[in-house]
C-alpha atoms as a PDB file:
ATOM      1  CA  UNK A   1       3.430 -23.740  -3.768  1.00  0.00           C
ATOM      2  CA  UNK A   2       2.496 -20.219  -2.969  1.00  0.00           C
ATOM      3  CA  UNK A   3       4.704 -17.699  -1.004  1.00  0.00           C
ATOM      4  CA  UNK A   4       2.969 -14.577   0.272  1.00  0.00           C
ATOM      5  CA  UNK A   5       5.102 -11.516   1.218  1.00  0.00           C
ATOM      6  CA  UNK A   6       2.840  -9.244   3.824  1.00  0.00           C
ATOM      7  CA  UNK A   7       3.759  -5.561   4.051  1.00  0.00           C
ATOM      8  CA  UNK A   8       2.050  -3.334   6.635  1.00  0.00           C
ATOM      9  CA  UNK A   9       1.724   0.519   6.248  1.00  0.00           C
ATOM     10  CA  UNK A  10       3.430   3.712   7.991  1.00  0.00           C
ATOM     11  CA  UNK A  11       3.033   1.953  11.219  1.00  0.00           C
ATOM     12  CA  UNK A  12       6.006  -0.051  10.686  1.00  0.00           C
ATOM     13  CA  UNK A  13       4.433  -3.158  12.444  1.00  0.00           C
ATOM     14  CA  UNK A  14       5.899  -6.368  11.451  1.00  0.00           C
ATOM     15  CA  UNK A  15       2.414  -8.043  10.532  1.00  0.00           C
ATOM     16  CA  UNK A  16       2.949 -11.735  11.718  1.00  0.00           C
ATOM     17  CA  UNK A  17      -0.788 -12.099  12.555  1.00  0.00           C
ATOM     18  CA  UNK A  18      -1.692 -11.178   8.908  1.00  0.00           C
ATOM     19  CA  UNK A  19       0.941 -13.462   7.678  1.00  0.00           C
ATOM     20  CA  UNK A  20      -0.546 -16.247   9.832  1.00  0.00           C
ATOM     21  CA  UNK A  21      -4.010 -15.736   8.347  1.00  0.00           C
ATOM     22  CA  UNK A  22      -2.312 -16.701   4.796  1.00  0.00           C
ATOM     23  CA  UNK A  23      -0.256 -19.600   6.446  1.00  0.00           C
ATOM     24  CA  UNK A  24      -3.670 -20.883   7.636  1.00  0.00           C
ATOM     25  CA  UNK A  25      -4.628 -21.200   3.922  1.00  0.00           C
ATOM     26  CA  UNK A  26      -1.715 -23.468   3.114  1.00  0.00           C
ATOM     27  CA  UNK A  27       0.763 -20.664   1.950  1.00  0.00           C
ATOM     28  CA  UNK A  28       4.161 -19.634   3.262  1.00  0.00           C
ATOM     29  CA  UNK A  29       3.890 -16.106   4.386  1.00  0.00           C
ATOM     30  CA  UNK A  30       6.847 -13.410   4.990  1.00  0.00           C
ATOM     31  CA  UNK A  31       5.860 -10.688   7.299  1.00  0.00           C
ATOM     32  CA  UNK A  32       8.598  -8.361   5.892  1.00  0.00           C
ATOM     33  CA  UNK A  33      10.200  -5.340   8.024  1.00  0.00           C
ATOM     34  CA  UNK A  34      10.879  -2.871   5.348  1.00  0.00           C
ATOM     35  CA  UNK A  35      12.080  -0.025   7.169  1.00  0.00           C
ATOM     36  CA  UNK A  36      12.977   0.758  10.807  1.00  0.00           C
ATOM     37  CA  UNK A  37      14.775  -2.231  11.516  1.00  0.00           C
ATOM     38  CA  UNK A  38      18.462  -2.777  12.245  1.00  0.00           C
ATOM     39  CA  UNK A  39      20.507  -1.246   9.203  1.00  0.00           C
ATOM     40  CA  UNK A  40      17.338  -0.133   7.649  1.00  0.00           C
ATOM     41  CA  UNK A  41      16.224   3.403   6.910  1.00  0.00           C
ATOM     42  CA  UNK A  42      14.477   4.782   9.824  1.00  0.00           C
ATOM     43  CA  UNK A  43      11.577   6.222   8.071  1.00  0.00           C
ATOM     44  CA  UNK A  44       9.813   5.575   4.850  1.00  0.00           C
ATOM     45  CA  UNK A  45      12.239   7.801   2.968  1.00  0.00           C
ATOM     46  CA  UNK A  46      14.112   6.793  -0.176  1.00  0.00           C
ATOM     47  CA  UNK A  47      13.312   3.124   0.534  1.00  0.00           C
ATOM     48  CA  UNK A  48      14.956   1.009  -2.351  1.00  0.00           C
ATOM     49  CA  UNK A  49      12.498  -1.121  -4.213  1.00  0.00           C
ATOM     50  CA  UNK A  50      15.220  -3.791  -4.456  1.00  0.00           C
ATOM     51  CA  UNK A  51      14.231  -4.569  -0.776  1.00  0.00           C
ATOM     52  CA  UNK A  52      11.230  -6.110  -2.185  1.00  0.00           C
ATOM     53  CA  UNK A  53      12.700  -7.752  -5.179  1.00  0.00           C
ATOM     54  CA  UNK A  54      15.084  -9.425  -2.658  1.00  0.00           C
ATOM     55  CA  UNK A  55      12.127 -10.751  -0.811  1.00  0.00           C
ATOM     56  CA  UNK A  56      10.735 -12.061  -4.014  1.00  0.00           C
ATOM     57  CA  UNK A  57      13.954 -13.851  -4.985  1.00  0.00           C
ATOM     58  CA  UNK A  58      14.399 -15.394  -1.369  1.00  0.00           C
ATOM     59  CA  UNK A  59      10.959 -17.133  -1.857  1.00  0.00           C
ATOM     60  CA  UNK A  60      11.524 -18.132  -5.532  1.00  0.00           C
ATOM     61  CA  UNK A  61      14.878 -19.597  -4.309  1.00  0.00           C
ATOM     62  CA  UNK A  62      13.076 -21.710  -1.609  1.00  0.00           C
ATOM     63  CA  UNK A  63      10.918 -23.163  -4.536  1.00  0.00           C
ATOM     64  CA  UNK A  64       7.691 -21.098  -4.374  1.00  0.00           C
ATOM     65  CA  UNK A  65       6.303 -21.087  -7.878  1.00  0.00           C
ATOM     66  CA  UNK A  66       3.429 -18.475  -7.120  1.00  0.00           C
ATOM     67  CA  UNK A  67       4.499 -15.203  -5.463  1.00  0.00           C
ATOM     68  CA  UNK A  68       1.798 -13.151  -3.912  1.00  0.00           C
ATOM     69  CA  UNK A  69       2.243  -9.680  -2.497  1.00  0.00           C
ATOM     70  CA  UNK A  70      -0.313  -8.205   0.302  1.00  0.00           C
ATOM     71  CA  UNK A  71       0.218  -4.514   1.169  1.00  0.00           C
ATOM     72  CA  UNK A  72      -1.758  -2.131   3.297  1.00  0.00           C
ATOM     73  CA  UNK A  73      -1.541   1.736   2.604  1.00  0.00           C
ATOM     74  CA  UNK A  74       2.082   2.565   2.047  1.00  0.00           C
ATOM     75  CA  UNK A  75       2.633  -1.131   1.977  1.00  0.00           C
ATOM     76  CA  UNK A  76       0.347  -1.300  -0.809  1.00  0.00           C
ATOM     77  CA  UNK A  77       2.164   1.462  -2.585  1.00  0.00           C
ATOM     78  CA  UNK A  78       5.291  -0.700  -2.243  1.00  0.00           C
ATOM     79  CA  UNK A  79       3.409  -3.663  -3.323  1.00  0.00           C
ATOM     80  CA  UNK A  80       2.207  -2.289  -6.606  1.00  0.00           C
ATOM     81  CA  UNK A  81       5.399  -0.520  -7.256  1.00  0.00           C
ATOM     82  CA  UNK A  82       7.121  -3.802  -6.881  1.00  0.00           C
ATOM     83  CA  UNK A  83       4.816  -5.737  -9.210  1.00  0.00           C
ATOM     84  CA  UNK A  84       5.346  -3.191 -11.905  1.00  0.00           C
ATOM     85  CA  UNK A  85       9.014  -3.719 -12.146  1.00  0.00           C
ATOM     86  CA  UNK A  86       9.227  -7.392 -10.984  1.00  0.00           C
ATOM     87  CA  UNK A  87       7.549  -9.815 -13.497  1.00  0.00           C
ATOM     88  CA  UNK A  88       8.155 -12.742 -10.769  1.00  0.00           C
ATOM     89  CA  UNK A  89       5.413 -11.334  -8.661  1.00  0.00           C
ATOM     90  CA  UNK A  90       2.164 -13.097  -9.667  1.00  0.00           C
ATOM     91  CA  UNK A  91      -0.459 -11.417  -7.746  1.00  0.00           C
ATOM     92  CA  UNK A  92      -1.106  -8.392  -5.514  1.00  0.00           C
ATOM     93  CA  UNK A  93      -3.737  -7.637  -3.007  1.00  0.00           C
ATOM     94  CA  UNK A  94      -3.519  -3.855  -2.373  1.00  0.00           C
ATOM     95  CA  UNK A  95      -5.573  -2.584   0.685  1.00  0.00           C
ATOM     96  CA  UNK A  96      -6.291   1.077   1.127  1.00  0.00           C
ATOM     97  CA  UNK A  97      -3.840   1.646  -1.964  1.00  0.00           C
ATOM     98  CA  UNK A  98      -2.613   4.887  -3.602  1.00  0.00           C
ATOM     99  CA  UNK A  99      -2.192   5.235  -7.435  1.00  0.00           C
ATOM    100  CA  UNK A 100       0.617   7.390  -7.227  1.00  0.00           C
ATOM    101  CA  UNK A 101       4.029   7.851  -5.260  1.00  0.00           C
ATOM    102  CA  UNK A 102       4.146  10.234  -2.266  1.00  0.00           C
ATOM    103  CA  UNK A 103       7.102  11.939  -0.333  1.00  0.00           C
ATOM    104  CA  UNK A 104       8.721  10.452   2.628  1.00  0.00           C
ATOM    105  CA  UNK A 105       7.191   9.740   5.935  1.00  0.00           C
ATOM    106  CA  UNK A 106       9.806  10.242   8.632  1.00  0.00           C
ATOM    107  CA  UNK A 107      13.528  10.544   8.195  1.00  0.00           C
ATOM    108  CA  UNK A 108      15.958   9.107   5.773  1.00  0.00           C
ATOM    109  CA  UNK A 109      19.631   7.305   6.743  1.00  0.00           C
ATOM    110  CA  UNK A 110      20.588  10.862   7.430  1.00  0.00           C
ATOM    111  CA  UNK A 111      17.966  11.630   9.977  1.00  0.00           C
ATOM    112  CA  UNK A 112      16.527  14.257   8.312  1.00  0.00           C
ATOM    113  CA  UNK A 113      12.818  14.486   7.462  1.00  0.00           C
ATOM    114  CA  UNK A 114      12.666  17.711   5.426  1.00  0.00           C
ATOM    115  CA  UNK A 115      13.189  18.981   2.895  1.00  0.00           C
ATOM    116  CA  UNK A 116      10.800  16.260   1.272  1.00  0.00           C
ATOM    117  CA  UNK A 117      11.901  13.488  -0.711  1.00  0.00           C
ATOM    118  CA  UNK A 118      10.752  10.274  -2.406  1.00  0.00           C
ATOM    119  CA  UNK A 119       9.402   7.334  -0.456  1.00  0.00           C
ATOM    120  CA  UNK A 120      11.277   5.055  -3.049  1.00  0.00           C
ATOM    121  CA  UNK A 121      14.294   4.445  -5.205  1.00  0.00           C
ATOM    122  CA  UNK A 122      15.110   2.315  -7.824  1.00  0.00           C
ATOM    123  CA  UNK A 123      18.601   1.581  -9.053  1.00  0.00           C
ATOM    124  CA  UNK A 124      19.566   4.274  -6.891  1.00  0.00           C
ATOM    125  CA  UNK A 125      17.518   6.720  -8.318  1.00  0.00           C
ATOM    126  CA  UNK A 126      14.685   8.493  -6.433  1.00  0.00           C
ATOM    127  CA  UNK A 127      10.973   7.804  -8.002  1.00  0.00           C
ATOM    128  CA  UNK A 128       9.048  10.818  -9.033  1.00  0.00           C
ATOM    129  CA  UNK A 129       6.525  11.647  -6.251  1.00  0.00           C
ATOM    130  CA  UNK A 130       3.704  14.284  -5.557  1.00  0.00           C
ATOM    131  CA  UNK A 131       4.988  16.869  -2.958  1.00  0.00           C
ATOM    132  CA  UNK A 132       3.092  17.753  -0.079  1.00  0.00           C
ATOM    133  CA  UNK A 133       2.049  21.403   0.517  1.00  0.00           C
ATOM    134  CA  UNK A 134       3.058  22.649   4.088  1.00  0.00           C
ATOM    135  CA  UNK A 135       0.646  25.462   4.067  1.00  0.00           C
ATOM    136  CA  UNK A 136      -2.485  22.942   3.948  1.00  0.00           C
ATOM    137  CA  UNK A 137      -5.082  23.497   6.606  1.00  0.00           C
ATOM    138  CA  UNK A 138      -6.055  20.508   8.436  1.00  0.00           C
ATOM    139  CA  UNK A 139      -9.508  18.975   9.006  1.00  0.00           C
ATOM    140  CA  UNK A 140     -10.612  16.956  11.810  1.00  0.00           C
ATOM    141  CA  UNK A 141     -12.640  13.765  12.085  1.00  0.00           C
ATOM    142  CA  UNK A 142     -13.793  12.832  15.823  1.00  0.00           C
ATOM    143  CA  UNK A 143     -11.061  15.046  17.122  1.00  0.00           C
ATOM    144  CA  UNK A 144      -8.227  13.711  15.112  1.00  0.00           C
ATOM    145  CA  UNK A 145      -6.662  15.127  11.800  1.00  0.00           C
ATOM    146  CA  UNK A 146      -8.004  13.787   8.543  1.00  0.00           C
ATOM    147  CA  UNK A 147      -5.342  14.006   6.024  1.00  0.00           C
ATOM    148  CA  UNK A 148      -7.547  13.122   3.131  1.00  0.00           C
ATOM    149  CA  UNK A 149      -8.067  16.785   2.302  1.00  0.00           C
ATOM    150  CA  UNK A 150      -4.357  17.055   2.126  1.00  0.00           C
ATOM    151  CA  UNK A 151      -3.645  14.307  -0.397  1.00  0.00           C
ATOM    152  CA  UNK A 152      -6.648  15.704  -2.660  1.00  0.00           C
ATOM    153  CA  UNK A 153      -5.081  19.167  -2.240  1.00  0.00           C
ATOM    154  CA  UNK A 154      -1.842  18.041  -3.580  1.00  0.00           C
ATOM    155  CA  UNK A 155      -3.271  16.048  -6.388  1.00  0.00           C
ATOM    156  CA  UNK A 156      -4.819  19.288  -7.535  1.00  0.00           C
ATOM    157  CA  UNK A 157      -1.938  21.594  -6.989  1.00  0.00           C
ATOM    158  CA  UNK A 158       0.779  19.469  -8.341  1.00  0.00           C
ATOM    159  CA  UNK A 159      -1.039  17.970 -11.365  1.00  0.00           C
ATOM    160  CA  UNK A 160       2.226  17.700 -13.227  1.00  0.00           C
ATOM    161  CA  UNK A 161       4.090  16.023 -10.454  1.00  0.00           C
ATOM    162  CA  UNK A 162       1.172  13.546  -9.950  1.00  0.00           C
ATOM    163  CA  UNK A 163       1.085  12.371 -13.621  1.00  0.00           C
ATOM    164  CA  UNK A 164       4.953  11.728 -13.459  1.00  0.00           C
ATOM    165  CA  UNK A 165       4.263   9.923 -10.047  1.00  0.00           C
ATOM    166  CA  UNK A 166       1.756   7.658 -11.026  1.00  0.00           C
ATOM    167  CA  UNK A 167       2.827   4.020 -10.305  1.00  0.00           C
ATOM    168  CA  UNK A 168       2.924   2.260 -13.795  1.00  0.00           C
ATOM    169  CA  UNK A 169       0.562  -0.519 -12.694  1.00  0.00           C
ATOM    170  CA  UNK A 170      -0.390  -0.993 -16.612  1.00  0.00           C
ATOM    171  CA  UNK A 171       3.232  -2.578 -16.689  1.00  0.00           C
ATOM    172  CA  UNK A 172       2.458  -5.287 -13.997  1.00  0.00           C
ATOM    173  CA  UNK A 173       1.769  -8.679 -15.513  1.00  0.00           C
ATOM    174  CA  UNK A 174       0.390  -9.695 -11.991  1.00  0.00           C
ATOM    175  CA  UNK A 175      -3.283 -10.338 -11.080  1.00  0.00           C
ATOM    176  CA  UNK A 176      -4.587  -7.471  -8.902  1.00  0.00           C
ATOM    177  CA  UNK A 177      -7.240  -7.160  -6.324  1.00  0.00           C
ATOM    178  CA  UNK A 178      -7.997  -3.564  -4.801  1.00  0.00           C
ATOM    179  CA  UNK A 179      -9.855  -3.089  -1.486  1.00  0.00           C
ATOM    180  CA  UNK A 180     -10.902   0.369  -0.579  1.00  0.00           C
ATOM    181  CA  UNK A 181     -13.363   2.074   1.576  1.00  0.00           C
ATOM    182  CA  UNK A 182     -15.158   5.188   0.367  1.00  0.00           C
ATOM    183  CA  UNK A 183     -14.969   6.904   4.013  1.00  0.00           C
ATOM    184  CA  UNK A 184     -11.257   6.518   4.226  1.00  0.00           C
ATOM    185  CA  UNK A 185     -10.312   9.883   6.083  1.00  0.00           C
ATOM    186  CA  UNK A 186      -6.398   9.302   5.718  1.00  0.00           C
ATOM    187  CA  UNK A 187      -6.197   9.218   1.879  1.00  0.00           C
ATOM    188  CA  UNK A 188      -8.811   9.015  -0.936  1.00  0.00           C
ATOM    189  CA  UNK A 189      -8.212   5.206  -1.356  1.00  0.00           C
ATOM    190  CA  UNK A 190     -11.328   4.581  -3.278  1.00  0.00           C
ATOM    191  CA  UNK A 191     -10.334   7.339  -5.780  1.00  0.00           C
ATOM    192  CA  UNK A 192      -7.053   5.884  -6.167  1.00  0.00           C
ATOM    193  CA  UNK A 193      -8.033   2.374  -6.704  1.00  0.00           C
ATOM    194  CA  UNK A 194     -10.666   3.554  -9.618  1.00  0.00           C
ATOM    195  CA  UNK A 195      -7.797   5.296 -11.164  1.00  0.00           C
ATOM    196  CA  UNK A 196      -5.700   2.064 -11.228  1.00  0.00           C
ATOM    197  CA  UNK A 197      -8.642   0.161 -12.469  1.00  0.00           C
ATOM    198  CA  UNK A 198      -8.702   2.792 -15.368  1.00  0.00           C
ATOM    199  CA  UNK A 199      -5.132   2.717 -16.042  1.00  0.00           C
ATOM    200  CA  UNK A 200      -5.104  -0.926 -16.417  1.00  0.00           C
ATOM    201  CA  UNK A 201      -7.977  -1.188 -18.243  1.00  0.00           C
ATOM    202  CA  UNK A 202      -6.905   1.245 -20.967  1.00  0.00           C
ATOM    203  CA  UNK A 203      -3.825  -1.310 -21.203  1.00  0.00           C
ATOM    204  CA  UNK A 204      -6.143  -4.164 -21.548  1.00  0.00           C
ATOM    205  CA  UNK A 205      -5.824  -5.547 -17.989  1.00  0.00           C
ATOM    206  CA  UNK A 206      -8.650  -6.708 -15.825  1.00  0.00           C
ATOM    207  CA  UNK A 207      -8.394  -5.665 -12.180  1.00  0.00           C
ATOM    208  CA  UNK A 208     -10.714  -6.501  -9.451  1.00  0.00           C
ATOM    209  CA  UNK A 209     -11.977  -3.579  -7.005  1.00  0.00           C
ATOM    210  CA  UNK A 210     -13.739  -4.546  -3.780  1.00  0.00           C
ATOM    211  CA  UNK A 211     -15.266  -1.493  -2.036  1.00  0.00           C
ATOM    212  CA  UNK A 212     -17.995  -0.057   0.358  1.00  0.00           C
ATOM    213  CA  UNK A 213     -19.112   3.361   0.861  1.00  0.00           C
ATOM    214  CA  UNK A 214     -18.923   3.246   4.633  1.00  0.00           C
ATOM    215  CA  UNK A 215     -15.663   1.587   5.040  1.00  0.00           C
ATOM    216  CA  UNK A 216     -12.528   3.628   6.107  1.00  0.00           C
ATOM    217  CA  UNK A 217      -8.853   3.085   5.865  1.00  0.00           C
ATOM    218  CA  UNK A 218      -8.457   0.346   8.291  1.00  0.00           C
ATOM    219  CA  UNK A 219      -9.708  -2.959   6.482  1.00  0.00           C
ATOM    220  CA  UNK A 220      -9.943  -5.730   8.678  1.00  0.00           C
ATOM    221  CA  UNK A 221      -9.512  -9.237   7.353  1.00  0.00           C
ATOM    222  CA  UNK A 222     -11.158 -12.139   8.987  1.00  0.00           C
ATOM    223  CA  UNK A 223     -10.193 -12.540  12.962  1.00  0.00           C
ATOM    224  CA  UNK A 224      -8.175  -9.143  12.656  1.00  0.00           C
ATOM    225  CA  UNK A 225      -8.645  -6.495  15.376  1.00  0.00           C
ATOM    226  CA  UNK A 226      -5.930  -3.990  14.364  1.00  0.00           C
ATOM    227  CA  UNK A 227      -6.248  -0.831  16.559  1.00  0.00           C
ATOM    228  CA  UNK A 228      -7.109   2.656  15.280  1.00  0.00           C
ATOM    229  CA  UNK A 229      -4.465   5.219  15.179  1.00  0.00           C
ATOM    230  CA  UNK A 230      -4.637   7.591  18.205  1.00  0.00           C
ATOM    231  CA  UNK A 231      -2.828  10.251  16.102  1.00  0.00           C
ATOM    232  CA  UNK A 232      -4.918  10.682  12.730  1.00  0.00           C
ATOM    233  CA  UNK A 233      -8.417   9.602  11.711  1.00  0.00           C
ATOM    234  CA  UNK A 234      -9.087   6.692   9.582  1.00  0.00           C
ATOM    235  CA  UNK A 235     -12.681   6.969   8.992  1.00  0.00           C
ATOM    236  CA  UNK A 236     -15.345   4.175   8.421  1.00  0.00           C
ATOM    237  CA  UNK A 237     -16.549   2.193  11.568  1.00  0.00           C
ATOM    238  CA  UNK A 238     -15.386  -1.172  13.007  1.00  0.00           C
ATOM    239  CA  UNK A 239     -18.527  -2.808  11.403  1.00  0.00           C
ATOM    240  CA  UNK A 240     -18.134  -1.426   7.804  1.00  0.00           C
ATOM    241  CA  UNK A 241     -14.332  -2.260   7.951  1.00  0.00           C
ATOM    242  CA  UNK A 242     -14.805  -5.762   9.121  1.00  0.00           C
ATOM    243  CA  UNK A 243     -17.591  -6.312   6.570  1.00  0.00           C
ATOM    244  CA  UNK A 244     -15.566  -4.980   3.547  1.00  0.00           C
ATOM    245  CA  UNK A 245     -12.509  -7.184   4.711  1.00  0.00           C
ATOM    246  CA  UNK A 246     -14.813 -10.343   4.958  1.00  0.00           C
ATOM    247  CA  UNK A 247     -15.990  -9.733   1.332  1.00  0.00           C
ATOM    248  CA  UNK A 248     -12.309  -8.938   0.243  1.00  0.00           C
ATOM    249  CA  UNK A 249     -11.037 -11.962   1.707  1.00  0.00           C
ATOM    250  CA  UNK A 250     -12.631 -14.404  -0.728  1.00  0.00           C
ATOM    251  CA  UNK A 251     -11.154 -12.549  -3.561  1.00  0.00           C
ATOM    252  CA  UNK A 252      -7.676 -12.320  -1.854  1.00  0.00           C
ATOM    253  CA  UNK A 253      -7.745 -16.147  -1.039  1.00  0.00           C
ATOM    254  CA  UNK A 254      -8.370 -16.873  -4.735  1.00  0.00           C
ATOM    255  CA  UNK A 255      -5.008 -15.111  -5.521  1.00  0.00           C
ATOM    256  CA  UNK A 256      -3.451 -17.681  -3.675  1.00  0.00           C
END
C-alpha cells in the first residue's frame, strides 16, 4: 500500500483536490497543513522538519509500505529536505522546486517577519539559508511583480551562504521526479532542478527531470484549475502549464 503526503506552497492551501487525484490512483493521500493552522507557526518561519517526519510516521504506523511526498514550490523545498533526512520516504515529486533553502515567508511564532530567519529548523537548530537583499529592484510581468530576479540576484550576491544552504539531495535514498517550467517568473525552478540533477548525479543517483521552456511556476496536473496569484507573477500560460502537468503526471504515477 502507498501513502502520499501532499504539500502545497506558500499559499498555505490544504490541497485536498490534489490529494483526491492520488486517491483516485488507489493510494491513500494526506493533504498536510504544515503552517498557519491551530497551534502552528503562522508563516513559513523556522518550521520544524519534524512535522514532516511525524506525517511519515503516521502513514507508516497505519501500515503503508511505500511513502511518497508530492510538494509544490515551498512544499517541494520541504519535501526534498524531508527526504534528505528521513530514509522512510521512498519517493518525491518536487514541482517547481528549489535546490537551496530560503528565508522565512511571513512571521514566526513571535509574530515578527523581519529580521529574516530560516524557513526551517532541524532538531531545534535553524537550517542554513540564502538571505534576501532588501535593496533589490523589482521587475514586472503583466503588471505583477516577478520575484525570479530577486532569487537569481541573491544566489549571485550570497554565494557562500548558497553553498551552505544547498539541500543535501545527494543524501536522499528516495526516487525523485522534478517538474519545472523554463518560464517560471516566481523563481528559477528549472535552474534549481538542473542543479539538483547534477548534485545527485555526482553522488551516483539518477533523477528524472520533466520540463518545458514555456511553462511557468503553476504546473497543473490533470483536472486541476488552480487559480493564478493576483499579487505576483507565475509566468507560463494555461496551455503550457497544463501540458507540462500532463506529461509529468505519468512519471509521478510511476512513483506510486
